[in-house]
């Protein structure tokens, strides 16, 4: 995955466990998921498309991206 290439093993481990698609509320999971949303948005994906991919609403994606900036 692209995020793993940017950030290395830590994110790859989180992604490998499927934590970006689960409703994990631990700080590390949330930050990794928000970062994945942010990277996907920077690559030109719509909020709706990102939300569909990860199983979240577009408003959740918007909040995450806004929080990362």
PDB file of N, CA and C in Angstrom:
ATOM      1  N   UNK A   1       0.829  -1.174   0.000  1.00  0.00           N
ATOM      2  CA  UNK A   1       0.000   0.000   0.000  1.00  0.00           C
ATOM      3  C   UNK A   1       0.879   1.244   0.000  1.00  0.00           C
ATOM      4  N   UNK A   2       0.343   2.320  -0.533  1.00  0.00           N
ATOM      5  CA  UNK A   2       1.122   3.540  -0.681  1.00  0.00           C
ATOM      6  C   UNK A   2       1.533   4.151   0.657  1.00  0.00           C
ATOM      7  N   UNK A   3       0.658   4.129   1.621  1.00  0.00           N
ATOM      8  CA  UNK A   3       0.982   4.721   2.923  1.00  0.00           C
ATOM      9  C   UNK A   3       2.146   3.985   3.558  1.00  0.00           C
ATOM     10  N   UNK A   4       2.162   2.674   3.423  1.00  0.00           N
ATOM     11  CA  UNK A   4       3.253   1.884   3.985  1.00  0.00           C
ATOM     12  C   UNK A   4       4.573   2.246   3.324  1.00  0.00           C
ATOM     13  N   UNK A   5       4.555   2.533   2.041  1.00  0.00           N
ATOM     14  CA  UNK A   5       5.783   2.918   1.356  1.00  0.00           C
ATOM     15  C   UNK A   5       6.306   4.248   1.883  1.00  0.00           C
ATOM     16  N   UNK A   6       5.417   5.135   2.227  1.00  0.00           N
ATOM     17  CA  UNK A   6       5.823   6.446   2.724  1.00  0.00           C
ATOM     18  C   UNK A   6       6.333   6.377   4.154  1.00  0.00           C
ATOM     19  N   UNK A   7       5.672   5.599   5.001  1.00  0.00           N
ATOM     20  CA  UNK A   7       5.974   5.631   6.423  1.00  0.00           C
ATOM     21  C   UNK A   7       6.673   4.400   6.962  1.00  0.00           C
ATOM     22  N   UNK A   8       6.819   3.389   6.164  1.00  0.00           N
ATOM     23  CA  UNK A   8       7.584   2.238   6.600  1.00  0.00           C
ATOM     24  C   UNK A   8       6.794   1.180   7.339  1.00  0.00           C
ATOM     25  N   UNK A   9       7.519   0.407   8.139  1.00  0.00           N
ATOM     26  CA  UNK A   9       6.983  -0.799   8.753  1.00  0.00           C
ATOM     27  C   UNK A   9       5.840  -0.567   9.738  1.00  0.00           C
ATOM     28  N   UNK A  10       5.861   0.514  10.485  1.00  0.00           N
ATOM     29  CA  UNK A  10       4.827   0.720  11.512  1.00  0.00           C
ATOM     30  C   UNK A  10       3.437   0.765  10.890  1.00  0.00           C
ATOM     31  N   UNK A  11       3.291   1.531   9.834  1.00  0.00           N
ATOM     32  CA  UNK A  11       1.987   1.630   9.180  1.00  0.00           C
ATOM     33  C   UNK A  11       1.668   0.338   8.449  1.00  0.00           C
ATOM     34  N   UNK A  12       2.664  -0.286   7.876  1.00  0.00           N
ATOM     35  CA  UNK A  12       2.433  -1.550   7.179  1.00  0.00           C
ATOM     36  C   UNK A  12       1.879  -2.599   8.146  1.00  0.00           C
ATOM     37  N   UNK A  13       2.382  -2.625   9.364  1.00  0.00           N
ATOM     38  CA  UNK A  13       1.863  -3.567  10.355  1.00  0.00           C
ATOM     39  C   UNK A  13       0.414  -3.260  10.684  1.00  0.00           C
ATOM     40  N   UNK A  14       0.095  -1.997  10.860  1.00  0.00           N
ATOM     41  CA  UNK A  14      -1.278  -1.617  11.160  1.00  0.00           C
ATOM     42  C   UNK A  14      -2.191  -1.986  10.005  1.00  0.00           C
ATOM     43  N   UNK A  15      -1.744  -1.710   8.786  1.00  0.00           N
ATOM     44  CA  UNK A  15      -2.566  -2.014   7.621  1.00  0.00           C
ATOM     45  C   UNK A  15      -2.702  -3.512   7.425  1.00  0.00           C
ATOM     46  N   UNK A  16      -1.657  -4.247   7.707  1.00  0.00           N
ATOM     47  CA  UNK A  16      -1.700  -5.698   7.557  1.00  0.00           C
ATOM     48  C   UNK A  16      -2.696  -6.347   8.492  1.00  0.00           C
ATOM     49  N   UNK A  17      -2.947  -5.715   9.625  1.00  0.00           N
ATOM     50  CA  UNK A  17      -3.912  -6.244  10.588  1.00  0.00           C
ATOM     51  C   UNK A  17      -5.330  -5.798  10.267  1.00  0.00           C
ATOM     52  N   UNK A  18      -5.496  -4.998   9.229  1.00  0.00           N
ATOM     53  CA  UNK A  18      -6.823  -4.544   8.847  1.00  0.00           C
ATOM     54  C   UNK A  18      -7.390  -3.470   9.764  1.00  0.00           C
ATOM     55  N   UNK A  19      -6.538  -2.801  10.515  1.00  0.00           N
ATOM     56  CA  UNK A  19      -7.017  -1.833  11.491  1.00  0.00           C
ATOM     57  C   UNK A  19      -7.555  -0.557  10.856  1.00  0.00           C
ATOM     58  N   UNK A  20      -7.215  -0.295   9.605  1.00  0.00           N
ATOM     59  CA  UNK A  20      -7.725   0.910   8.967  1.00  0.00           C
ATOM     60  C   UNK A  20      -9.186   0.760   8.580  1.00  0.00           C
ATOM     61  N   UNK A  21      -9.650  -0.459   8.440  1.00  0.00           N
ATOM     62  CA  UNK A  21     -11.045  -0.682   8.060  1.00  0.00           C
ATOM     63  C   UNK A  21     -11.920  -1.035   9.251  1.00  0.00           C
ATOM     64  N   UNK A  22     -11.336  -1.267  10.391  1.00  0.00           N
ATOM     65  CA  UNK A  22     -12.099  -1.586  11.597  1.00  0.00           C
ATOM     66  C   UNK A  22     -12.409  -0.328  12.373  1.00  0.00           C
ATOM     67  N   UNK A  23     -13.321  -0.427  13.281  1.00  0.00           N
ATOM     68  CA  UNK A  23     -13.685   0.697  14.142  1.00  0.00           C
ATOM     69  C   UNK A  23     -12.776   0.751  15.366  1.00  0.00           C
ATOM     70  N   UNK A  24     -11.498   0.609  15.159  1.00  0.00           N
ATOM     71  CA  UNK A  24     -10.519   0.666  16.242  1.00  0.00           C
ATOM     72  C   UNK A  24     -10.411   2.114  16.715  1.00  0.00           C
ATOM     73  N   UNK A  25     -10.523   2.333  18.010  1.00  0.00           N
ATOM     74  CA  UNK A  25     -10.468   3.686  18.555  1.00  0.00           C
ATOM     75  C   UNK A  25      -9.187   3.970  19.313  1.00  0.00           C
ATOM     76  N   UNK A  26      -8.230   3.063  19.245  1.00  0.00           N
ATOM     77  CA  UNK A  26      -6.937   3.318  19.876  1.00  0.00           C
ATOM     78  C   UNK A  26      -6.216   4.414  19.099  1.00  0.00           C
ATOM     79  N   UNK A  27      -5.450   5.210  19.812  1.00  0.00           N
ATOM     80  CA  UNK A  27      -4.799   6.372  19.208  1.00  0.00           C
ATOM     81  C   UNK A  27      -3.974   6.014  17.970  1.00  0.00           C
ATOM     82  N   UNK A  28      -3.179   4.956  18.046  1.00  0.00           N
ATOM     83  CA  UNK A  28      -2.343   4.570  16.906  1.00  0.00           C
ATOM     84  C   UNK A  28      -3.183   4.180  15.695  1.00  0.00           C
ATOM     85  N   UNK A  29      -4.270   3.477  15.928  1.00  0.00           N
ATOM     86  CA  UNK A  29      -5.163   3.076  14.834  1.00  0.00           C
ATOM     87  C   UNK A  29      -5.808   4.297  14.183  1.00  0.00           C
ATOM     88  N   UNK A  30      -6.294   5.205  15.019  1.00  0.00           N
ATOM     89  CA  UNK A  30      -6.967   6.394  14.512  1.00  0.00           C
ATOM     90  C   UNK A  30      -6.004   7.245  13.705  1.00  0.00           C
ATOM     91  N   UNK A  31      -4.822   7.460  14.219  1.00  0.00           N
ATOM     92  CA  UNK A  31      -3.836   8.284  13.492  1.00  0.00           C
ATOM     93  C   UNK A  31      -3.423   7.644  12.172  1.00  0.00           C
ATOM     94  N   UNK A  32      -3.232   6.346  12.168  1.00  0.00           N
ATOM     95  CA  UNK A  32      -2.868   5.656  10.926  1.00  0.00           C
ATOM     96  C   UNK A  32      -3.996   5.763   9.906  1.00  0.00           C
ATOM     97  N   UNK A  33      -5.235   5.596  10.370  1.00  0.00           N
ATOM     98  CA  UNK A  33      -6.391   5.693   9.482  1.00  0.00           C
ATOM     99  C   UNK A  33      -6.523   7.107   8.945  1.00  0.00           C
ATOM    100  N   UNK A  34      -6.387   8.117   9.813  1.00  0.00           N
ATOM    101  CA  UNK A  34      -6.467   9.504   9.371  1.00  0.00           C
ATOM    102  C   UNK A  34      -5.380   9.812   8.353  1.00  0.00           C
ATOM    103  N   UNK A  35      -4.193   9.302   8.596  1.00  0.00           N
ATOM    104  CA  UNK A  35      -3.095   9.531   7.660  1.00  0.00           C
ATOM    105  C   UNK A  35      -3.383   8.886   6.311  1.00  0.00           C
ATOM    106  N   UNK A  36      -3.944   7.701   6.323  1.00  0.00           N
ATOM    107  CA  UNK A  36      -4.309   7.033   5.068  1.00  0.00           C
ATOM    108  C   UNK A  36      -5.359   7.851   4.323  1.00  0.00           C
ATOM    109  N   UNK A  37      -6.344   8.390   5.050  1.00  0.00           N
ATOM    110  CA  UNK A  37      -7.356   9.251   4.427  1.00  0.00           C
ATOM    111  C   UNK A  37      -6.686  10.479   3.811  1.00  0.00           C
ATOM    112  N   UNK A  38      -5.776  11.089   4.552  1.00  0.00           N
ATOM    113  CA  UNK A  38      -5.106  12.308   4.086  1.00  0.00           C
ATOM    114  C   UNK A  38      -4.292  12.044   2.820  1.00  0.00           C
ATOM    115  N   UNK A  39      -3.539  10.949   2.824  1.00  0.00           N
ATOM    116  CA  UNK A  39      -2.731  10.601   1.651  1.00  0.00           C
ATOM    117  C   UNK A  39      -3.637  10.329   0.451  1.00  0.00           C
ATOM    118  N   UNK A  40      -4.709   9.593   0.671  1.00  0.00           N
ATOM    119  CA  UNK A  40      -5.640   9.307  -0.429  1.00  0.00           C
ATOM    120  C   UNK A  40      -6.242  10.594  -0.977  1.00  0.00           C
ATOM    121  N   UNK A  41      -6.563  11.530  -0.115  1.00  0.00           N
ATOM    122  CA  UNK A  41      -7.127  12.808  -0.554  1.00  0.00           C
ATOM    123  C   UNK A  41      -6.104  13.617  -1.331  1.00  0.00           C
ATOM    124  N   UNK A  42      -4.860  13.639  -0.857  1.00  0.00           N
ATOM    125  CA  UNK A  42      -3.784  14.355  -1.562  1.00  0.00           C
ATOM    126  C   UNK A  42      -3.528  13.771  -2.950  1.00  0.00           C
ATOM    127  N   UNK A  43      -3.840  12.506  -3.114  1.00  0.00           N
ATOM    128  CA  UNK A  43      -3.661  11.857  -4.411  1.00  0.00           C
ATOM    129  C   UNK A  43      -4.844  12.095  -5.345  1.00  0.00           C
ATOM    130  N   UNK A  44      -5.819  12.904  -4.895  1.00  0.00           N
ATOM    131  CA  UNK A  44      -6.909  13.321  -5.763  1.00  0.00           C
ATOM    132  C   UNK A  44      -8.190  12.517  -5.643  1.00  0.00           C
ATOM    133  N   UNK A  45      -8.274  11.624  -4.689  1.00  0.00           N
ATOM    134  CA  UNK A  45      -9.500  10.841  -4.512  1.00  0.00           C
ATOM    135  C   UNK A  45     -10.572  11.687  -3.827  1.00  0.00           C
ATOM    136  N   UNK A  46     -11.825  11.425  -4.179  1.00  0.00           N
ATOM    137  CA  UNK A  46     -12.932  12.157  -3.557  1.00  0.00           C
ATOM    138  C   UNK A  46     -13.167  11.635  -2.141  1.00  0.00           C
ATOM    139  N   UNK A  47     -13.797  12.461  -1.328  1.00  0.00           N
ATOM    140  CA  UNK A  47     -14.121  12.052   0.036  1.00  0.00           C
ATOM    141  C   UNK A  47     -15.027  10.825   0.039  1.00  0.00           C
ATOM    142  N   UNK A  48     -15.974  10.808  -0.882  1.00  0.00           N
ATOM    143  CA  UNK A  48     -16.900   9.670  -0.975  1.00  0.00           C
ATOM    144  C   UNK A  48     -16.172   8.385  -1.362  1.00  0.00           C
ATOM    145  N   UNK A  49     -15.250   8.494  -2.320  1.00  0.00           N
ATOM    146  CA  UNK A  49     -14.502   7.312  -2.753  1.00  0.00           C
ATOM    147  C   UNK A  49     -13.619   6.767  -1.629  1.00  0.00           C
ATOM    148  N   UNK A  50     -12.990   7.654  -0.898  1.00  0.00           N
ATOM    149  CA  UNK A  50     -12.146   7.235   0.224  1.00  0.00           C
ATOM    150  C   UNK A  50     -13.010   6.563   1.283  1.00  0.00           C
ATOM    151  N   UNK A  51     -14.139   7.188   1.598  1.00  0.00           N
ATOM    152  CA  UNK A  51     -15.045   6.621   2.583  1.00  0.00           C
ATOM    153  C   UNK A  51     -15.540   5.240   2.191  1.00  0.00           C
ATOM    154  N   UNK A  52     -15.918   5.068   0.930  1.00  0.00           N
ATOM    155  CA  UNK A  52     -16.366   3.748   0.449  1.00  0.00           C
ATOM    156  C   UNK A  52     -15.267   2.714   0.584  1.00  0.00           C
ATOM    157  N   UNK A  53     -14.049   3.094   0.231  1.00  0.00           N
ATOM    158  CA  UNK A  53     -12.932   2.153   0.282  1.00  0.00           C
ATOM    159  C   UNK A  53     -12.665   1.658   1.703  1.00  0.00           C
ATOM    160  N   UNK A  54     -12.714   2.573   2.650  1.00  0.00           N
ATOM    161  CA  UNK A  54     -12.389   2.220   4.029  1.00  0.00           C
ATOM    162  C   UNK A  54     -13.608   1.871   4.875  1.00  0.00           C
ATOM    163  N   UNK A  55     -14.809   2.046   4.321  1.00  0.00           N
ATOM    164  CA  UNK A  55     -16.017   1.718   5.057  1.00  0.00           C
ATOM    165  C   UNK A  55     -16.462   2.804   6.028  1.00  0.00           C
ATOM    166  N   UNK A  56     -16.208   4.063   5.670  1.00  0.00           N
ATOM    167  CA  UNK A  56     -16.598   5.194   6.497  1.00  0.00           C
ATOM    168  C   UNK A  56     -17.401   6.184   5.672  1.00  0.00           C
ATOM    169  N   UNK A  57     -18.105   7.059   6.358  1.00  0.00           N
ATOM    170  CA  UNK A  57     -18.873   8.120   5.724  1.00  0.00           C
ATOM    171  C   UNK A  57     -17.926   9.210   5.212  1.00  0.00           C
ATOM    172  N   UNK A  58     -18.351   9.934   4.167  1.00  0.00           N
ATOM    173  CA  UNK A  58     -17.496  10.996   3.627  1.00  0.00           C
ATOM    174  C   UNK A  58     -17.228  12.083   4.667  1.00  0.00           C
ATOM    175  N   UNK A  59     -18.165  12.331   5.574  1.00  0.00           N
ATOM    176  CA  UNK A  59     -17.968  13.354   6.607  1.00  0.00           C
ATOM    177  C   UNK A  59     -16.866  12.942   7.590  1.00  0.00           C
ATOM    178  N   UNK A  60     -16.757  11.663   7.859  1.00  0.00           N
ATOM    179  CA  UNK A  60     -15.692  11.166   8.726  1.00  0.00           C
ATOM    180  C   UNK A  60     -14.339  11.384   8.058  1.00  0.00           C
ATOM    181  N   UNK A  61     -14.285  11.124   6.770  1.00  0.00           N
ATOM    182  CA  UNK A  61     -13.054  11.343   6.003  1.00  0.00           C
ATOM    183  C   UNK A  61     -12.706  12.823   5.999  1.00  0.00           C
ATOM    184  N   UNK A  62     -13.709  13.676   5.788  1.00  0.00           N
ATOM    185  CA  UNK A  62     -13.483  15.128   5.770  1.00  0.00           C
ATOM    186  C   UNK A  62     -12.900  15.584   7.112  1.00  0.00           C
ATOM    187  N   UNK A  63     -13.477  15.114   8.203  1.00  0.00           N
ATOM    188  CA  UNK A  63     -12.991  15.497   9.535  1.00  0.00           C
ATOM    189  C   UNK A  63     -11.537  15.058   9.729  1.00  0.00           C
ATOM    190  N   UNK A  64     -11.221  13.848   9.301  1.00  0.00           N
ATOM    191  CA  UNK A  64      -9.852  13.336   9.450  1.00  0.00           C
ATOM    192  C   UNK A  64      -8.868  14.169   8.631  1.00  0.00           C
ATOM    193  N   UNK A  65      -9.213  14.441   7.393  1.00  0.00           N
ATOM    194  CA  UNK A  65      -8.327  15.222   6.520  1.00  0.00           C
ATOM    195  C   UNK A  65      -8.149  16.625   7.076  1.00  0.00           C
ATOM    196  N   UNK A  66      -9.230  17.246   7.540  1.00  0.00           N
ATOM    197  CA  UNK A  66      -9.142  18.596   8.112  1.00  0.00           C
ATOM    198  C   UNK A  66      -8.283  18.590   9.376  1.00  0.00           C
ATOM    199  N   UNK A  67      -8.363  17.543  10.162  1.00  0.00           N
ATOM    200  CA  UNK A  67      -7.576  17.445  11.382  1.00  0.00           C
ATOM    201  C   UNK A  67      -6.094  17.244  11.113  1.00  0.00           C
ATOM    202  N   UNK A  68      -5.765  16.672   9.969  1.00  0.00           N
ATOM    203  CA  UNK A  68      -4.362  16.421   9.620  1.00  0.00           C
ATOM    204  C   UNK A  68      -3.663  17.665   9.100  1.00  0.00           C
ATOM    205  N   UNK A  69      -4.406  18.682   8.737  1.00  0.00           N
ATOM    206  CA  UNK A  69      -3.788  19.874   8.148  1.00  0.00           C
ATOM    207  C   UNK A  69      -3.508  20.916   9.134  1.00  0.00           C
TER     208      UNK A  69
END
